[in-house]
Protein backbone atom coordinates (compact mmCIF):
# COMPACT_ATOMS: atom_id res chain seq x y z
CA UNK A 1 97.68 108.10 61.92
CA UNK A 2 95.08 110.38 63.51
CA UNK A 3 93.28 110.63 60.20
CA UNK A 4 93.24 106.84 59.74
CA UNK A 5 91.94 106.23 63.26
CA UNK A 6 89.36 109.00 62.94
CA UNK A 7 87.79 107.30 59.91
CA UNK A 8 86.75 104.40 62.15
CA UNK A 9 84.92 106.73 64.56
CA UNK A 10 81.18 107.30 64.15
CA UNK A 11 80.39 110.24 61.85
CA UNK A 12 79.91 113.51 63.73
CA UNK A 13 78.65 116.61 61.98
CA UNK A 14 79.76 119.94 63.47
CA UNK A 15 78.92 123.56 62.86
CA UNK A 16 82.27 125.29 62.28
CA UNK A 17 82.99 129.02 62.08
CA UNK A 18 86.29 130.24 60.72
CA UNK A 19 88.69 131.44 63.49
CA UNK A 20 90.83 133.26 60.91
CA UNK A 21 90.03 136.18 58.66
CA UNK A 22 89.29 135.02 55.13
CA UNK A 23 92.03 135.86 52.64
CA UNK A 24 91.12 137.92 49.64
CA UNK A 25 92.55 138.25 46.16
CA UNK A 26 93.53 141.46 44.49
CA UNK A 27 90.02 141.87 43.14
CA UNK A 28 88.55 141.66 46.62
CA UNK A 29 86.96 138.23 46.16
CA UNK A 30 87.33 135.58 48.88
CA UNK A 31 89.56 132.48 48.55
CA UNK A 32 88.24 129.45 46.72
CA UNK A 33 85.91 127.34 48.83
CA UNK A 34 85.69 129.88 51.67
CA UNK A 35 82.39 131.34 52.80
CA UNK A 36 81.20 133.33 55.78
CA UNK A 37 78.96 131.90 58.49
CA UNK A 38 78.64 128.40 59.91
CA UNK A 39 79.85 125.33 58.02
CA UNK A 40 78.35 121.85 58.48
CA UNK A 41 81.29 119.43 58.19
CA UNK A 42 81.70 115.79 59.16
CA UNK A 43 84.24 115.87 61.95
CA UNK A 44 86.18 112.73 61.01
CA UNK A 45 86.81 114.10 57.52
CA UNK A 46 87.57 117.67 58.47
CA UNK A 47 91.12 117.63 57.08
CA UNK A 48 89.93 116.11 53.81
CA UNK A 49 87.24 118.77 53.58
CA UNK A 50 89.79 121.53 54.08
CA UNK A 51 92.21 119.98 51.59
CA UNK A 52 89.50 119.48 48.98
CA UNK A 53 88.66 123.19 49.12
CA UNK A 54 92.34 124.21 49.12
CA UNK A 55 91.95 125.97 52.44
CA UNK A 56 95.09 124.39 53.90
CA UNK A 57 98.21 123.30 52.00
CA UNK A 58 98.94 119.66 51.18
CA UNK A 59 102.08 119.68 53.32
CA UNK A 60 100.36 121.15 56.38
CA UNK A 61 101.88 118.48 58.64
CA UNK A 62 105.43 119.58 57.73
CA UNK A 63 104.51 123.24 58.13
CA UNK A 64 102.93 122.58 61.55
CA UNK A 65 106.16 120.91 62.64
CA UNK A 66 108.01 124.13 61.84
CA UNK A 67 105.40 126.11 63.78
CA UNK A 68 105.87 123.78 66.75
CA UNK A 69 109.60 124.61 66.83
CA UNK A 70 108.68 128.31 67.06
CA UNK A 71 106.20 127.47 69.81
CA UNK A 72 108.96 125.72 71.76
CA UNK A 73 111.20 128.77 71.45
CA UNK A 74 108.38 131.02 72.68
CA UNK A 75 107.60 128.72 75.62
CA UNK A 76 111.24 128.77 76.70
CA UNK A 77 111.22 132.58 76.80
CA UNK A 78 110.69 134.14 80.24
CA UNK A 79 107.39 136.01 80.72
CA UNK A 80 106.71 138.55 83.48
CA UNK A 81 102.93 138.78 83.15
CA UNK A 82 101.10 136.45 85.56
CA UNK A 83 98.10 135.89 83.28
CA UNK A 84 100.39 134.90 80.42
CA UNK A 85 102.36 132.58 82.72
CA UNK A 86 99.15 130.85 83.76
CA UNK A 87 98.08 130.38 80.12
CA UNK A 88 101.50 129.03 79.13
CA UNK A 89 101.53 126.51 81.98
CA UNK A 90 97.98 125.47 81.05
CA UNK A 91 98.68 124.95 77.32
CA UNK A 92 102.37 124.01 77.46
CA UNK A 93 101.77 120.44 76.28
CA UNK A 94 99.74 121.44 73.18
CA UNK A 95 99.82 125.06 72.04
CA UNK A 96 97.15 125.46 69.35
CA UNK A 97 96.14 128.56 67.45
CA UNK A 98 93.62 129.76 70.04
CA UNK A 99 96.08 129.13 72.88
CA UNK A 100 98.80 131.09 71.08
CA UNK A 101 96.32 133.92 70.41
CA UNK A 102 95.28 134.14 74.08
CA UNK A 103 98.91 134.07 75.27
CA UNK A 104 99.97 136.79 72.84
CA UNK A 105 97.02 139.00 73.75
CA UNK A 106 97.85 138.63 77.46
CA UNK A 107 101.49 139.56 76.85
CA UNK A 108 100.54 142.43 74.50
CA UNK A 109 98.35 143.96 77.23
CA UNK A 110 101.19 143.98 79.75
CA UNK A 111 103.50 147.00 80.04
CA UNK A 112 106.41 145.01 78.62
CA UNK A 113 104.37 143.89 75.62
CA UNK A 114 103.14 147.37 74.78
CA UNK A 115 106.67 148.65 74.20
CA UNK A 116 107.35 148.77 70.44
CA UNK A 117 109.95 150.10 68.05
CA UNK A 118 109.47 152.86 65.50
CA UNK A 119 108.46 150.27 62.89
CA UNK A 120 105.83 148.71 65.18
CA UNK A 121 107.65 145.52 66.25
CA UNK A 122 107.79 144.42 69.89
CA UNK A 123 110.89 145.15 71.90
CA UNK A 124 110.02 142.45 74.44
CA UNK A 125 111.46 139.07 73.28
CA UNK A 126 108.54 137.04 74.59
CA UNK A 127 105.96 139.25 72.87
CA UNK A 128 107.94 139.13 69.61
CA UNK A 129 108.24 135.33 69.66
CA UNK A 130 104.56 134.76 70.46
CA UNK A 131 103.66 137.24 67.71
CA UNK A 132 105.77 135.15 65.33
CA UNK A 133 103.94 132.00 66.43
CA UNK A 134 100.56 133.66 65.85
CA UNK A 135 101.62 134.93 62.41
CA UNK A 136 102.85 131.43 61.48
CA UNK A 137 99.48 129.93 62.40
CA UNK A 138 97.66 132.59 60.39
CA UNK A 139 99.88 132.12 57.39
CA UNK A 140 98.32 129.73 54.83
CA UNK A 141 95.53 128.95 57.32
CA UNK A 142 97.66 126.63 59.43
CA UNK A 143 95.46 127.59 62.37
CA UNK A 144 92.65 125.71 60.63
CA UNK A 145 94.82 122.59 60.38
CA UNK A 146 95.95 122.89 64.00
CA UNK A 147 92.46 123.27 65.42
CA UNK A 148 91.08 120.59 63.07
CA UNK A 149 93.65 118.15 64.44
CA UNK A 150 92.63 118.99 68.02
CA UNK A 151 88.94 118.71 67.14
CA UNK A 152 89.34 115.28 65.55
CA UNK A 153 91.43 114.10 68.50
CA UNK A 154 88.85 115.31 70.99
CA UNK A 155 85.77 113.96 69.23
CA UNK A 156 87.33 110.62 68.31
CA UNK A 157 89.24 109.78 71.49
CA UNK A 158 89.14 112.31 74.32
CA UNK A 159 85.35 112.74 74.54
CA UNK A 160 84.57 108.97 74.33
CA UNK A 161 87.23 108.32 76.97
CA UNK A 162 85.73 110.99 79.20
CA UNK A 163 82.25 109.51 78.70
CA UNK A 164 83.55 106.10 79.78
CA UNK A 165 85.24 107.70 82.77
CA UNK A 166 82.02 109.53 83.68
CA UNK A 167 80.05 106.28 83.41
CA UNK A 168 82.60 104.51 85.63
CA UNK A 169 82.45 107.34 88.18
CA UNK A 170 78.65 107.29 88.19
CA UNK A 171 78.70 103.51 88.69
CA UNK A 172 81.19 103.92 91.53
CA UNK A 173 79.01 106.63 93.08
CA UNK A 174 75.98 104.33 92.88
CA UNK A 175 77.92 101.50 94.53
CA UNK A 176 79.23 103.83 97.23
CA UNK A 177 75.74 105.15 97.94
CA UNK A 178 74.42 101.59 98.19
CA UNK A 179 77.29 100.68 100.51
CA UNK A 180 76.60 103.80 102.57
CA UNK A 181 72.94 102.84 102.96
CA UNK A 182 73.96 99.33 104.05
CA UNK A 183 76.43 100.73 106.59
CA UNK A 184 73.79 103.16 107.84
CA UNK A 185 71.36 100.29 108.43
CA UNK A 186 74.08 98.28 110.14
CA UNK A 187 74.92 101.28 112.33
CA UNK A 188 71.27 101.70 113.29
CA UNK A 189 70.94 98.01 114.16
CA UNK A 190 74.17 98.07 116.17
CA UNK A 191 73.00 101.11 118.14
CA UNK A 192 69.67 99.43 118.85
CA UNK A 193 71.39 96.26 120.05
CA UNK A 194 73.79 98.31 122.15
CA UNK A 195 70.95 100.21 123.80
CA UNK A 196 69.09 96.97 124.48
CA UNK A 197 72.23 95.43 126.00
CA UNK A 198 72.77 98.46 128.23
CA UNK A 199 69.20 98.24 129.39
CA UNK A 200 69.57 94.51 130.01
CA UNK A 201 72.76 95.03 132.04
CA UNK A 202 71.23 98.02 133.82
CA UNK A 203 74.12 100.38 133.07
CA UNK A 204 74.30 103.81 131.42
CA UNK A 205 77.13 103.06 129.01
CA UNK A 206 79.37 106.06 129.72
CA UNK A 207 82.16 103.77 131.01
CA UNK A 208 80.97 100.19 130.39
CA UNK A 209 83.94 98.42 132.00
CA UNK A 210 83.77 100.34 135.26
CA UNK A 211 79.97 100.22 135.34
CA UNK A 212 79.98 96.43 134.78
CA UNK A 213 82.52 95.98 137.57
CA UNK A 214 80.42 98.10 139.91
CA UNK A 215 77.29 96.18 138.89
CA UNK A 216 79.03 92.84 139.52
CA UNK A 217 80.34 94.03 142.89
CA UNK A 218 76.80 95.01 143.86
CA UNK A 219 74.96 91.97 142.49
CA UNK A 220 77.34 89.07 143.16
CA UNK A 221 76.97 89.23 146.97
CA UNK A 222 73.21 88.95 146.48
CA UNK A 223 73.69 85.92 144.24
CA UNK A 224 76.08 84.36 146.74
CA UNK A 225 73.55 84.95 149.53
CA UNK A 226 70.79 83.30 147.49
CA UNK A 227 73.03 80.30 146.74
CA UNK A 228 74.01 80.02 150.40
CA UNK A 229 70.39 80.17 151.47
CA UNK A 230 69.45 77.56 148.87
CA UNK A 231 72.25 75.23 149.96
CA UNK A 232 71.39 75.59 153.63
CA UNK A 233 67.73 74.88 152.98
CA UNK A 234 68.06 72.06 150.45
CA UNK A 235 71.76 71.15 150.40
CA UNK A 236 71.52 68.13 152.72
CA UNK A 237 68.67 66.60 150.74
CA UNK A 238 70.50 67.17 147.47
CA UNK A 239 73.62 65.54 148.90
CA UNK A 240 71.62 62.48 149.93
CA UNK A 241 70.07 62.22 146.48
CA UNK A 242 73.54 62.49 144.89
CA UNK A 243 74.83 59.81 147.32
CA UNK A 244 71.99 57.48 146.31
CA UNK A 245 72.72 58.10 142.63
CA UNK A 246 76.44 57.41 143.16
CA UNK A 247 75.66 54.10 144.93
CA UNK A 248 73.27 53.12 142.15
CA UNK A 249 75.84 53.98 139.47
CA UNK A 250 78.58 52.08 141.31
CA UNK A 251 76.28 49.13 142.06
CA UNK A 252 76.95 49.15 145.81
CA UNK A 253 74.74 49.21 148.83
CA UNK A 254 74.64 51.82 151.55
CA UNK A 255 76.55 49.58 153.91
CA UNK A 256 79.32 48.94 151.36
CA UNK A 257 79.64 52.60 150.36
CA UNK A 258 81.32 53.59 153.61
CA UNK A 259 81.36 57.12 154.94
CA UNK A 260 78.93 59.30 153.04
CA UNK A 261 80.71 62.50 154.06
CA UNK A 262 83.43 61.76 151.50
CA UNK A 263 80.94 62.58 148.75
CA UNK A 264 80.66 66.30 147.89
CA UNK A 265 82.28 67.40 151.18
CA UNK A 266 82.40 71.07 150.26
CA UNK A 267 78.72 70.96 149.42
CA UNK A 268 77.93 69.37 152.79
CA UNK A 269 80.11 71.90 154.65
CA UNK A 270 78.37 74.83 152.95
CA UNK A 271 74.99 73.27 153.64
CA UNK A 272 75.73 72.85 157.32
CA UNK A 273 77.81 75.89 158.14
CA UNK A 274 77.07 78.36 155.34
CA UNK A 275 79.62 80.98 154.33
CA UNK A 276 81.51 80.47 157.59
CA UNK A 277 82.71 77.09 156.35
CA UNK A 278 86.48 76.68 156.10
CA UNK A 279 88.71 74.30 154.21
CA UNK A 280 89.82 72.83 157.54
CA UNK A 281 86.22 71.81 158.21
CA UNK A 282 86.16 69.99 154.89
CA UNK A 283 89.47 68.29 155.71
CA UNK A 284 87.99 66.99 158.95
CA UNK A 285 85.19 65.39 156.96
CA UNK A 286 87.61 64.01 154.33
CA UNK A 287 91.08 63.24 155.78
CA UNK A 288 92.37 62.27 152.34
CA UNK A 289 91.86 65.87 151.23
CA UNK A 290 94.32 67.07 153.88
CA UNK A 291 96.98 64.61 152.74
CA UNK A 292 96.38 65.61 149.13
CA UNK A 293 96.80 69.30 149.93
CA UNK A 294 100.02 68.62 151.90
CA UNK A 295 101.53 66.63 149.01
CA UNK A 296 100.60 69.40 146.57
CA UNK A 297 102.27 72.01 148.81
CA UNK A 298 105.45 69.88 149.02
CA UNK A 299 105.52 69.48 145.24
CA UNK A 300 105.17 73.23 144.76
CA UNK A 301 107.96 73.88 147.27
CA UNK A 302 110.29 71.41 145.53
CA UNK A 303 109.58 72.99 142.14
CA UNK A 304 110.39 76.42 143.55
CA UNK A 305 113.63 75.16 145.12
CA UNK A 306 114.80 73.37 141.94
CA UNK A 307 116.12 76.50 140.09
CA UNK A 308 118.08 77.60 143.17
CA UNK A 309 119.64 74.15 143.53
CA UNK A 310 120.65 74.14 139.86
CA UNK A 311 122.31 77.54 140.28
CA UNK A 312 124.35 76.47 143.33
CA UNK A 313 125.40 73.26 141.58
CA UNK A 314 126.66 75.22 138.61
CA UNK A 315 128.76 77.40 140.90
CA UNK A 316 130.34 74.45 142.76
CA UNK A 317 131.03 72.58 139.51
CA UNK A 318 133.58 75.17 138.35
CA UNK A 319 137.13 73.59 138.47
CA UNK A 320 139.75 75.06 140.77
CA UNK A 321 143.16 76.20 139.48
CA UNK A 322 144.93 73.37 141.37
CA UNK A 323 142.75 70.79 139.71
CA UNK A 324 143.60 72.24 136.30
CA UNK A 325 147.29 72.04 136.96
CA UNK A 326 147.20 68.28 137.65
CA UNK A 327 144.59 67.40 135.10
CA UNK A 328 147.16 66.00 132.67
CA UNK A 329 148.82 63.59 135.20
CA UNK A 330 147.69 60.05 136.10
CA UNK A 331 147.35 59.04 139.73
CA UNK A 332 148.71 55.45 140.04
CA UNK A 333 147.92 55.23 143.73
CA UNK A 334 151.54 55.62 144.81
CA UNK A 335 153.75 58.39 146.16
CA UNK A 336 157.19 59.78 145.29
CA UNK A 337 158.94 57.75 147.95
CA UNK A 338 157.21 54.50 147.12
């Protein structure tokens, strides 16, 4: 399946150097098709190239399956060396020839791996099993087949996927940088508006709520004084103009309009007496206002007394035990003697 999918990938030519020592015949000549130095091979057809030169056996897939079973046995073996543990955890999912070589060399350098028998075999089980894995890869050049499979997988799928991921990350970085610049401009504009607002409100901005309250407490009396002064100086004239407008809008004459004090009475009271004006003074000018205020007070008192009256009525409405006892009898209006 990997070989069929790799044929659809764009051709990639690689320079390959043999990771395994070249086998020799009895006469000392190298194996058929093998040569020293770099080899220029099309990556997608690497297995076919190796098979055509009889470097790897035809049934290399079946042989690699057997090697993978040995790899699983070696992975399950406990290892004391920390460097070997790190390598095993790093390559646990796919142990290739180079990974097996690095793991074995790390174990062989440890004190446990250096212990050997008289015949030269390892006494440590982990070292012996990883040595068996390495020998299986080296036998019949299965290491070539293993690394060729990884190389085809990487060049056909892993590297293009990583390129797409890198392009997506770069695009995301560009978008994030653009968004950051926009937020920076918005932050600068917000700070400028905030400073202008603080200057307009004449506050420092350390505690805006308290400073605004203090500013209002200091400035509102001045505003009230200006309004009072304005009303006292021009309030009567403004009231007369409003009275004339009201008569014109109603279509009545001055004689038919009646008492002019009924129009804007609070305005007239403030104009005549200033801040010392009281609601009683306004009521004297407009008697209907006093009656209206009294009716509103009575309505508020009745609304407040309504919940209490409902509570007392609920208490008195509870039946007494004597009433319950005679509830099933009919009173015909007579007595026992009648």
